[in-house]
N, C-alpha and C. Protein backbone atom coordinates (compact mmCIF):
# COMPACT_ATOMS: atom_id res chain seq x y z
N MET A 1 16.74 -1.68 4.60
CA MET A 1 15.32 -1.40 4.73
C MET A 1 14.81 -2.10 5.99
N LYS A 2 14.24 -1.26 6.88
CA LYS A 2 13.63 -1.80 8.10
C LYS A 2 12.17 -1.35 8.24
N LYS A 3 11.87 -0.18 7.65
CA LYS A 3 10.53 0.39 7.79
C LYS A 3 10.11 0.96 6.44
N ALA A 4 9.18 0.28 5.78
CA ALA A 4 8.81 0.64 4.41
C ALA A 4 7.34 0.95 4.27
N LEU A 5 7.05 1.93 3.43
CA LEU A 5 5.69 2.27 3.03
C LEU A 5 5.50 1.82 1.60
N VAL A 6 4.31 1.29 1.30
CA VAL A 6 3.95 0.92 -0.06
C VAL A 6 2.70 1.72 -0.42
N LEU A 7 2.84 2.59 -1.42
CA LEU A 7 1.80 3.54 -1.81
C LEU A 7 1.34 3.29 -3.24
N GLY A 8 0.16 3.80 -3.57
CA GLY A 8 -0.35 3.72 -4.94
C GLY A 8 -1.87 3.70 -4.95
N SER A 9 -2.41 3.83 -6.12
CA SER A 9 -3.86 3.82 -6.31
C SER A 9 -4.45 2.48 -5.88
N PRO A 10 -5.71 2.46 -5.49
CA PRO A 10 -6.37 1.17 -5.31
C PRO A 10 -6.27 0.39 -6.63
N GLY A 11 -6.03 -0.90 -6.51
CA GLY A 11 -5.91 -1.74 -7.69
C GLY A 11 -4.55 -1.76 -8.34
N ALA A 12 -3.61 -0.97 -7.81
CA ALA A 12 -2.27 -0.88 -8.41
C ALA A 12 -1.43 -2.11 -8.11
N GLY A 13 -1.81 -2.87 -7.10
CA GLY A 13 -1.02 -4.04 -6.73
C GLY A 13 -0.18 -3.84 -5.48
N LYS A 14 -0.55 -2.86 -4.66
CA LYS A 14 0.20 -2.59 -3.43
C LYS A 14 0.28 -3.82 -2.53
N SER A 15 -0.86 -4.44 -2.31
CA SER A 15 -0.89 -5.58 -1.39
C SER A 15 -0.13 -6.78 -1.94
N THR A 16 -0.27 -7.02 -3.23
CA THR A 16 0.47 -8.13 -3.85
C THR A 16 1.98 -7.89 -3.74
N PHE A 17 2.41 -6.69 -4.07
CA PHE A 17 3.82 -6.33 -3.95
C PHE A 17 4.28 -6.45 -2.50
N SER A 18 3.47 -5.93 -1.57
CA SER A 18 3.82 -5.95 -0.15
C SER A 18 3.96 -7.37 0.38
N LEU A 19 3.07 -8.24 -0.04
CA LEU A 19 3.15 -9.65 0.39
C LEU A 19 4.46 -10.29 -0.07
N LYS A 20 4.83 -10.04 -1.32
CA LYS A 20 6.08 -10.60 -1.85
C LYS A 20 7.28 -10.01 -1.10
N LEU A 21 7.26 -8.70 -0.89
CA LEU A 21 8.36 -8.03 -0.21
C LEU A 21 8.48 -8.53 1.24
N ALA A 22 7.37 -8.71 1.91
CA ALA A 22 7.39 -9.18 3.30
C ALA A 22 7.94 -10.61 3.37
N LYS A 23 7.54 -11.43 2.44
CA LYS A 23 8.03 -12.81 2.44
C LYS A 23 9.55 -12.86 2.28
N LEU A 24 10.07 -12.05 1.37
CA LEU A 24 11.52 -12.04 1.12
C LEU A 24 12.30 -11.35 2.23
N SER A 25 11.79 -10.24 2.70
CA SER A 25 12.53 -9.43 3.67
C SER A 25 12.35 -9.93 5.11
N LYS A 26 11.32 -10.73 5.31
CA LYS A 26 10.97 -11.22 6.66
C LYS A 26 10.48 -10.10 7.58
N LEU A 27 10.11 -8.96 7.00
CA LEU A 27 9.55 -7.85 7.79
C LEU A 27 8.06 -8.08 7.99
N PRO A 28 7.53 -7.71 9.15
CA PRO A 28 6.08 -7.85 9.36
C PRO A 28 5.31 -6.87 8.47
N LEU A 29 4.19 -7.33 7.95
CA LEU A 29 3.38 -6.55 7.02
C LEU A 29 2.06 -6.16 7.67
N TYR A 30 1.69 -4.89 7.49
CA TYR A 30 0.43 -4.36 7.99
C TYR A 30 -0.30 -3.67 6.85
N HIS A 31 -1.58 -4.02 6.69
CA HIS A 31 -2.42 -3.41 5.66
C HIS A 31 -3.30 -2.36 6.33
N LEU A 32 -3.20 -1.12 5.88
CA LEU A 32 -4.00 -0.05 6.48
C LEU A 32 -5.49 -0.32 6.35
N ASP A 33 -5.91 -0.97 5.26
CA ASP A 33 -7.34 -1.27 5.11
C ASP A 33 -7.84 -2.15 6.25
N LEU A 34 -7.03 -3.07 6.73
CA LEU A 34 -7.44 -3.93 7.84
C LEU A 34 -7.50 -3.17 9.15
N LEU A 35 -6.71 -2.11 9.26
CA LEU A 35 -6.73 -1.29 10.46
C LEU A 35 -7.93 -0.34 10.47
N TYR A 36 -8.42 0.00 9.28
CA TYR A 36 -9.46 1.02 9.13
C TYR A 36 -10.87 0.44 8.97
N TRP A 37 -10.98 -0.66 8.21
CA TRP A 37 -12.29 -1.23 7.90
C TRP A 37 -12.67 -2.35 8.84
N ASN A 38 -13.96 -2.41 9.19
CA ASN A 38 -14.53 -3.52 9.93
C ASN A 38 -15.15 -4.51 8.95
N LYS A 39 -15.42 -5.72 9.42
CA LYS A 39 -15.99 -6.75 8.55
C LYS A 39 -17.34 -6.35 7.96
N ASP A 40 -18.08 -5.49 8.66
CA ASP A 40 -19.40 -5.07 8.18
C ASP A 40 -19.33 -3.84 7.27
N LYS A 41 -18.14 -3.52 6.79
CA LYS A 41 -17.89 -2.40 5.87
C LYS A 41 -18.09 -1.03 6.51
N THR A 42 -18.07 -0.99 7.83
CA THR A 42 -18.02 0.28 8.54
C THR A 42 -16.55 0.56 8.85
N THR A 43 -16.25 1.75 9.29
CA THR A 43 -14.87 2.13 9.56
C THR A 43 -14.70 2.50 11.03
N VAL A 44 -13.45 2.45 11.45
CA VAL A 44 -13.13 2.91 12.80
C VAL A 44 -12.94 4.43 12.74
N SER A 45 -12.94 5.05 13.88
CA SER A 45 -12.73 6.50 13.93
C SER A 45 -11.29 6.83 13.56
N ARG A 46 -11.07 8.07 13.20
CA ARG A 46 -9.72 8.54 12.89
C ARG A 46 -8.79 8.33 14.08
N GLU A 47 -9.31 8.56 15.28
CA GLU A 47 -8.50 8.40 16.49
C GLU A 47 -8.06 6.95 16.67
N VAL A 48 -8.98 6.02 16.44
CA VAL A 48 -8.65 4.60 16.57
C VAL A 48 -7.62 4.20 15.52
N LEU A 49 -7.80 4.66 14.29
CA LEU A 49 -6.84 4.35 13.22
C LEU A 49 -5.46 4.86 13.60
N ILE A 50 -5.37 6.08 14.05
CA ILE A 50 -4.07 6.66 14.42
C ILE A 50 -3.45 5.89 15.58
N LYS A 51 -4.24 5.51 16.55
CA LYS A 51 -3.73 4.72 17.68
C LYS A 51 -3.16 3.39 17.18
N ARG A 52 -3.85 2.75 16.27
CA ARG A 52 -3.38 1.47 15.72
C ARG A 52 -2.08 1.65 14.93
N ILE A 53 -2.02 2.71 14.15
CA ILE A 53 -0.81 2.99 13.36
C ILE A 53 0.37 3.29 14.29
N LYS A 54 0.14 4.09 15.30
CA LYS A 54 1.22 4.43 16.24
C LYS A 54 1.79 3.18 16.91
N ALA A 55 0.94 2.23 17.22
CA ALA A 55 1.41 0.99 17.84
C ALA A 55 2.35 0.22 16.88
N ILE A 56 2.05 0.26 15.61
CA ILE A 56 2.92 -0.39 14.62
C ILE A 56 4.24 0.37 14.48
N LEU A 57 4.14 1.69 14.43
CA LEU A 57 5.33 2.52 14.23
C LEU A 57 6.35 2.35 15.36
N GLU A 58 5.91 1.95 16.52
CA GLU A 58 6.81 1.75 17.65
C GLU A 58 7.67 0.49 17.49
N ARG A 59 7.31 -0.37 16.58
CA ARG A 59 8.06 -1.61 16.38
C ARG A 59 9.36 -1.34 15.64
N ASP A 60 10.28 -2.28 15.73
CA ASP A 60 11.60 -2.12 15.13
C ASP A 60 11.59 -2.17 13.61
N SER A 61 10.63 -2.91 13.05
CA SER A 61 10.59 -3.03 11.59
C SER A 61 9.17 -3.33 11.14
N TRP A 62 8.87 -2.93 9.90
CA TRP A 62 7.55 -3.15 9.35
C TRP A 62 7.49 -2.74 7.89
N ILE A 63 6.45 -3.24 7.24
CA ILE A 63 6.01 -2.76 5.93
C ILE A 63 4.55 -2.36 6.14
N ILE A 64 4.20 -1.15 5.72
CA ILE A 64 2.82 -0.70 5.82
C ILE A 64 2.31 -0.44 4.40
N ASP A 65 1.24 -1.15 4.06
CA ASP A 65 0.63 -1.08 2.74
C ASP A 65 -0.61 -0.20 2.81
N GLY A 66 -0.61 0.90 2.06
CA GLY A 66 -1.80 1.74 1.97
C GLY A 66 -1.46 3.22 1.97
N ASN A 67 -2.40 4.01 1.47
CA ASN A 67 -2.18 5.45 1.34
C ASN A 67 -2.62 6.22 2.58
N TYR A 68 -3.91 6.38 2.75
CA TYR A 68 -4.48 7.13 3.88
C TYR A 68 -3.65 8.38 4.15
N LEU A 69 -3.73 9.32 3.23
CA LEU A 69 -2.87 10.51 3.27
C LEU A 69 -2.97 11.28 4.58
N HIS A 70 -4.12 11.23 5.25
CA HIS A 70 -4.24 11.98 6.51
C HIS A 70 -3.37 11.39 7.63
N THR A 71 -2.81 10.21 7.41
CA THR A 71 -1.88 9.63 8.40
C THR A 71 -0.45 9.55 7.85
N MET A 72 -0.24 10.12 6.68
CA MET A 72 1.05 9.97 6.00
C MET A 72 2.20 10.58 6.79
N ASP A 73 2.03 11.79 7.32
CA ASP A 73 3.13 12.44 8.05
C ASP A 73 3.61 11.58 9.21
N LEU A 74 2.69 10.98 9.89
CA LEU A 74 2.99 10.10 11.01
C LEU A 74 3.88 8.94 10.56
N ARG A 75 3.47 8.28 9.49
CA ARG A 75 4.21 7.11 8.98
C ARG A 75 5.52 7.51 8.31
N LEU A 76 5.49 8.62 7.61
CA LEU A 76 6.65 9.07 6.86
C LEU A 76 7.84 9.38 7.77
N LYS A 77 7.55 9.94 8.94
CA LYS A 77 8.61 10.25 9.90
C LYS A 77 9.44 9.03 10.25
N GLU A 78 8.79 7.89 10.34
CA GLU A 78 9.44 6.67 10.80
C GLU A 78 10.00 5.80 9.67
N ALA A 79 9.48 5.97 8.47
CA ALA A 79 9.88 5.10 7.35
C ALA A 79 11.28 5.43 6.86
N ASP A 80 11.98 4.40 6.39
CA ASP A 80 13.26 4.64 5.73
C ASP A 80 13.19 4.38 4.22
N THR A 81 12.13 3.70 3.78
CA THR A 81 11.98 3.33 2.37
C THR A 81 10.53 3.53 1.94
N ILE A 82 10.36 4.03 0.71
CA ILE A 82 9.02 4.23 0.15
C ILE A 82 8.97 3.57 -1.23
N PHE A 83 7.95 2.76 -1.43
CA PHE A 83 7.67 2.17 -2.73
C PHE A 83 6.38 2.79 -3.24
N PHE A 84 6.41 3.31 -4.45
CA PHE A 84 5.21 3.93 -5.04
C PHE A 84 4.89 3.20 -6.34
N LEU A 85 3.75 2.52 -6.36
CA LEU A 85 3.29 1.86 -7.57
C LEU A 85 2.43 2.84 -8.35
N ASP A 86 3.05 3.56 -9.27
CA ASP A 86 2.37 4.55 -10.10
C ASP A 86 1.93 3.87 -11.40
N ILE A 87 0.94 3.01 -11.26
CA ILE A 87 0.46 2.16 -12.34
C ILE A 87 -0.65 2.90 -13.10
N PRO A 88 -0.70 2.76 -14.44
CA PRO A 88 -1.77 3.42 -15.22
C PRO A 88 -3.17 3.07 -14.69
N LYS A 89 -4.06 4.05 -14.75
CA LYS A 89 -5.40 3.90 -14.17
C LYS A 89 -6.16 2.71 -14.73
N GLU A 90 -6.07 2.48 -16.03
CA GLU A 90 -6.82 1.35 -16.61
C GLU A 90 -6.34 0.03 -16.03
N GLU A 91 -5.05 -0.08 -15.76
CA GLU A 91 -4.54 -1.30 -15.14
C GLU A 91 -5.02 -1.42 -13.69
N CYS A 92 -5.14 -0.30 -13.00
CA CYS A 92 -5.67 -0.33 -11.63
C CYS A 92 -7.13 -0.76 -11.64
N LEU A 93 -7.90 -0.23 -12.58
CA LEU A 93 -9.31 -0.63 -12.69
C LEU A 93 -9.42 -2.11 -12.99
N GLU A 94 -8.57 -2.60 -13.88
CA GLU A 94 -8.56 -4.02 -14.21
C GLU A 94 -8.16 -4.85 -12.99
N GLY A 95 -7.23 -4.34 -12.20
CA GLY A 95 -6.82 -5.04 -10.98
C GLY A 95 -7.98 -5.22 -10.02
N VAL A 96 -8.83 -4.20 -9.92
CA VAL A 96 -10.00 -4.29 -9.05
C VAL A 96 -11.00 -5.30 -9.63
N ARG A 97 -11.19 -5.26 -10.94
CA ARG A 97 -12.11 -6.23 -11.57
C ARG A 97 -11.65 -7.67 -11.34
N LYS A 98 -10.35 -7.91 -11.44
CA LYS A 98 -9.81 -9.27 -11.31
C LYS A 98 -9.95 -9.83 -9.90
N ARG A 99 -10.01 -8.98 -8.90
CA ARG A 99 -10.06 -9.49 -7.53
C ARG A 99 -11.49 -9.70 -7.02
N LEU A 100 -12.49 -9.40 -7.84
CA LEU A 100 -13.87 -9.62 -7.43
C LEU A 100 -14.10 -11.09 -7.08
N GLY A 101 -14.77 -11.33 -5.99
CA GLY A 101 -15.11 -12.68 -5.58
C GLY A 101 -13.97 -13.47 -4.96
N LYS A 102 -12.81 -12.84 -4.78
CA LYS A 102 -11.65 -13.53 -4.22
C LYS A 102 -11.37 -13.05 -2.80
N LYS A 103 -11.02 -14.01 -1.95
CA LYS A 103 -10.61 -13.67 -0.59
C LYS A 103 -9.25 -12.98 -0.65
N ARG A 104 -9.13 -11.90 0.10
CA ARG A 104 -7.88 -11.14 0.12
C ARG A 104 -7.40 -11.00 1.56
N VAL A 105 -6.09 -11.02 1.72
CA VAL A 105 -5.53 -10.88 3.07
C VAL A 105 -5.56 -9.43 3.56
N ASP A 106 -5.80 -8.50 2.65
CA ASP A 106 -5.74 -7.09 3.01
C ASP A 106 -7.10 -6.44 3.23
N MET A 107 -8.18 -7.21 3.13
CA MET A 107 -9.53 -6.67 3.36
C MET A 107 -10.33 -7.66 4.19
N PRO A 108 -11.20 -7.16 5.05
CA PRO A 108 -11.95 -8.06 5.93
C PRO A 108 -13.22 -8.66 5.30
N TRP A 109 -13.43 -8.47 4.01
CA TRP A 109 -14.58 -9.06 3.34
C TRP A 109 -14.20 -9.39 1.90
N ILE A 110 -15.08 -10.12 1.24
CA ILE A 110 -14.89 -10.45 -0.17
C ILE A 110 -15.78 -9.52 -0.98
N GLU A 111 -15.18 -8.81 -1.88
CA GLU A 111 -15.92 -7.89 -2.75
C GLU A 111 -16.60 -8.71 -3.84
N GLU A 112 -17.93 -8.64 -3.88
CA GLU A 112 -18.69 -9.46 -4.83
C GLU A 112 -19.09 -8.71 -6.08
N GLU A 113 -19.13 -7.38 -6.01
CA GLU A 113 -19.52 -6.59 -7.18
C GLU A 113 -18.76 -5.28 -7.20
N LEU A 114 -18.66 -4.72 -8.39
CA LEU A 114 -17.96 -3.44 -8.54
C LEU A 114 -18.78 -2.32 -7.92
N ASP A 115 -18.10 -1.45 -7.23
CA ASP A 115 -18.71 -0.27 -6.64
C ASP A 115 -18.43 0.90 -7.58
N PRO A 116 -19.45 1.43 -8.24
CA PRO A 116 -19.22 2.52 -9.20
C PRO A 116 -18.51 3.73 -8.59
N GLU A 117 -18.82 4.04 -7.34
CA GLU A 117 -18.18 5.17 -6.66
C GLU A 117 -16.68 4.91 -6.47
N PHE A 118 -16.35 3.67 -6.11
CA PHE A 118 -14.95 3.29 -5.91
C PHE A 118 -14.21 3.33 -7.26
N MET A 119 -14.85 2.86 -8.31
CA MET A 119 -14.23 2.88 -9.64
C MET A 119 -14.00 4.33 -10.09
N ASP A 120 -14.94 5.21 -9.80
CA ASP A 120 -14.75 6.63 -10.13
C ASP A 120 -13.60 7.23 -9.33
N TYR A 121 -13.46 6.79 -8.08
CA TYR A 121 -12.35 7.26 -7.25
C TYR A 121 -11.02 6.89 -7.90
N ILE A 122 -10.93 5.66 -8.40
CA ILE A 122 -9.70 5.22 -9.05
C ILE A 122 -9.46 6.03 -10.33
N LYS A 123 -10.50 6.25 -11.10
CA LYS A 123 -10.37 7.02 -12.35
C LYS A 123 -9.85 8.43 -12.06
N GLY A 124 -10.24 8.98 -10.93
CA GLY A 124 -9.81 10.33 -10.57
C GLY A 124 -8.65 10.37 -9.60
N PHE A 125 -8.04 9.22 -9.32
CA PHE A 125 -6.97 9.16 -8.33
C PHE A 125 -5.84 10.11 -8.73
N ASP A 126 -5.51 11.00 -7.83
CA ASP A 126 -4.50 12.03 -8.07
C ASP A 126 -3.18 11.61 -7.44
N THR A 127 -2.19 11.37 -8.28
CA THR A 127 -0.88 10.98 -7.77
C THR A 127 -0.06 12.19 -7.30
N GLY A 128 -0.54 13.38 -7.58
CA GLY A 128 0.18 14.60 -7.20
C GLY A 128 0.58 14.66 -5.74
N PRO A 129 -0.35 14.41 -4.80
CA PRO A 129 0.03 14.45 -3.39
C PRO A 129 1.11 13.44 -3.02
N ILE A 130 1.10 12.29 -3.66
CA ILE A 130 2.13 11.29 -3.37
C ILE A 130 3.48 11.78 -3.89
N TYR A 131 3.49 12.34 -5.11
CA TYR A 131 4.75 12.88 -5.63
C TYR A 131 5.25 14.04 -4.77
N ASP A 132 4.33 14.85 -4.24
CA ASP A 132 4.74 15.92 -3.32
C ASP A 132 5.44 15.34 -2.09
N ILE A 133 4.88 14.26 -1.56
CA ILE A 133 5.48 13.60 -0.40
C ILE A 133 6.87 13.08 -0.75
N LEU A 134 6.98 12.46 -1.90
CA LEU A 134 8.28 11.91 -2.32
C LEU A 134 9.31 13.02 -2.51
N ASN A 135 8.89 14.11 -3.10
CA ASN A 135 9.80 15.23 -3.33
C ASN A 135 10.27 15.88 -2.03
N LYS A 136 9.48 15.74 -0.98
CA LYS A 136 9.83 16.30 0.33
C LYS A 136 10.52 15.27 1.23
N SER A 137 10.96 14.17 0.63
CA SER A 137 11.54 13.08 1.43
C SER A 137 12.92 12.67 0.92
N PRO A 138 13.86 13.62 0.83
CA PRO A 138 15.17 13.28 0.27
C PRO A 138 15.98 12.30 1.13
N ASP A 139 15.59 12.16 2.39
CA ASP A 139 16.31 11.27 3.29
C ASP A 139 15.81 9.83 3.22
N LYS A 140 14.82 9.58 2.38
CA LYS A 140 14.24 8.24 2.27
C LYS A 140 14.74 7.57 0.98
N LYS A 141 14.84 6.26 1.01
CA LYS A 141 15.12 5.49 -0.20
C LYS A 141 13.78 5.35 -0.91
N ILE A 142 13.70 5.81 -2.16
CA ILE A 142 12.43 5.84 -2.88
C ILE A 142 12.52 5.02 -4.16
N TYR A 143 11.50 4.18 -4.36
CA TYR A 143 11.37 3.39 -5.58
C TYR A 143 10.02 3.72 -6.19
N ILE A 144 10.03 4.08 -7.47
CA ILE A 144 8.80 4.36 -8.20
C ILE A 144 8.69 3.34 -9.33
N PHE A 145 7.58 2.61 -9.34
CA PHE A 145 7.34 1.62 -10.38
C PHE A 145 6.20 2.10 -11.26
N LYS A 146 6.45 2.17 -12.56
CA LYS A 146 5.45 2.62 -13.52
C LYS A 146 4.71 1.44 -14.17
N SER A 147 5.12 0.23 -13.82
CA SER A 147 4.46 -0.96 -14.35
C SER A 147 4.61 -2.10 -13.35
N HIS A 148 3.77 -3.10 -13.52
CA HIS A 148 3.88 -4.29 -12.67
C HIS A 148 5.20 -5.01 -12.96
N GLN A 149 5.66 -4.93 -14.19
CA GLN A 149 6.92 -5.57 -14.55
C GLN A 149 8.09 -4.94 -13.77
N GLU A 150 8.08 -3.63 -13.63
CA GLU A 150 9.13 -2.96 -12.85
C GLU A 150 9.09 -3.41 -11.39
N ALA A 151 7.89 -3.53 -10.83
CA ALA A 151 7.76 -3.99 -9.44
C ALA A 151 8.24 -5.44 -9.32
N ASP A 152 7.86 -6.27 -10.28
CA ASP A 152 8.31 -7.67 -10.28
C ASP A 152 9.82 -7.77 -10.42
N ASN A 153 10.40 -6.92 -11.26
CA ASN A 153 11.86 -6.92 -11.42
C ASN A 153 12.55 -6.59 -10.11
N TYR A 154 12.00 -5.63 -9.36
CA TYR A 154 12.58 -5.29 -8.06
C TYR A 154 12.54 -6.51 -7.14
N ILE A 155 11.40 -7.16 -7.07
CA ILE A 155 11.25 -8.35 -6.22
C ILE A 155 12.22 -9.44 -6.65
N ASN A 156 12.33 -9.68 -7.95
CA ASN A 156 13.25 -10.71 -8.44
C ASN A 156 14.70 -10.36 -8.12
N ASN A 157 15.08 -9.11 -8.28
CA ASN A 157 16.44 -8.68 -7.96
C ASN A 157 16.71 -8.77 -6.46
N TYR A 158 15.71 -8.41 -5.66
CA TYR A 158 15.83 -8.51 -4.21
C TYR A 158 16.02 -9.96 -3.81
N SER A 159 15.23 -10.83 -4.42
CA SER A 159 15.32 -12.25 -4.14
C SER A 159 16.70 -12.80 -4.52
N ASN A 160 17.20 -12.41 -5.68
CA ASN A 160 18.52 -12.87 -6.14
C ASN A 160 19.64 -12.36 -5.24
N ALA A 161 19.47 -11.16 -4.70
CA ALA A 161 20.48 -10.59 -3.82
C ALA A 161 20.59 -11.38 -2.50
N LEU A 162 19.49 -12.03 -2.14
CA LEU A 162 19.48 -12.80 -0.90
C LEU A 162 20.13 -14.17 -1.06
N LEU A 163 20.27 -14.61 -2.31
CA LEU A 163 20.84 -15.96 -2.56
C LEU A 163 22.34 -16.00 -2.34
């Protein structure tokens, strides 16, 4: 694994998993939310986001955490490994609730209150497009985790393999 994507619903634990994976693998980690969002909760243009992503893709190795399906083809071409955290929606919603008021390395601000629109987005999060991507990627190493325990087991096994 030299170039990995970490996908899943908001609140699924993508960033937590990515941080653990980056620490063990020594691969540089990039959070798409940090490339897209400004500190004032405004966003960069699509062109700026794509330019930032292309600069990362030119590197020899990386982990990219985030979905942003409109940039998926670009990232997918370069990736050799895909991790998909297909975590139940209620657990994703709980994940968002638990991170309220906490500083995160993957966002440029601290979320102080729940955003009803964001919570509705998670409730309606459609995994279909991600499964379509996975089904069209037979040349990639693909890991699908249906629980946090499965993701943790992968990290623990990866860690043990390094010993």
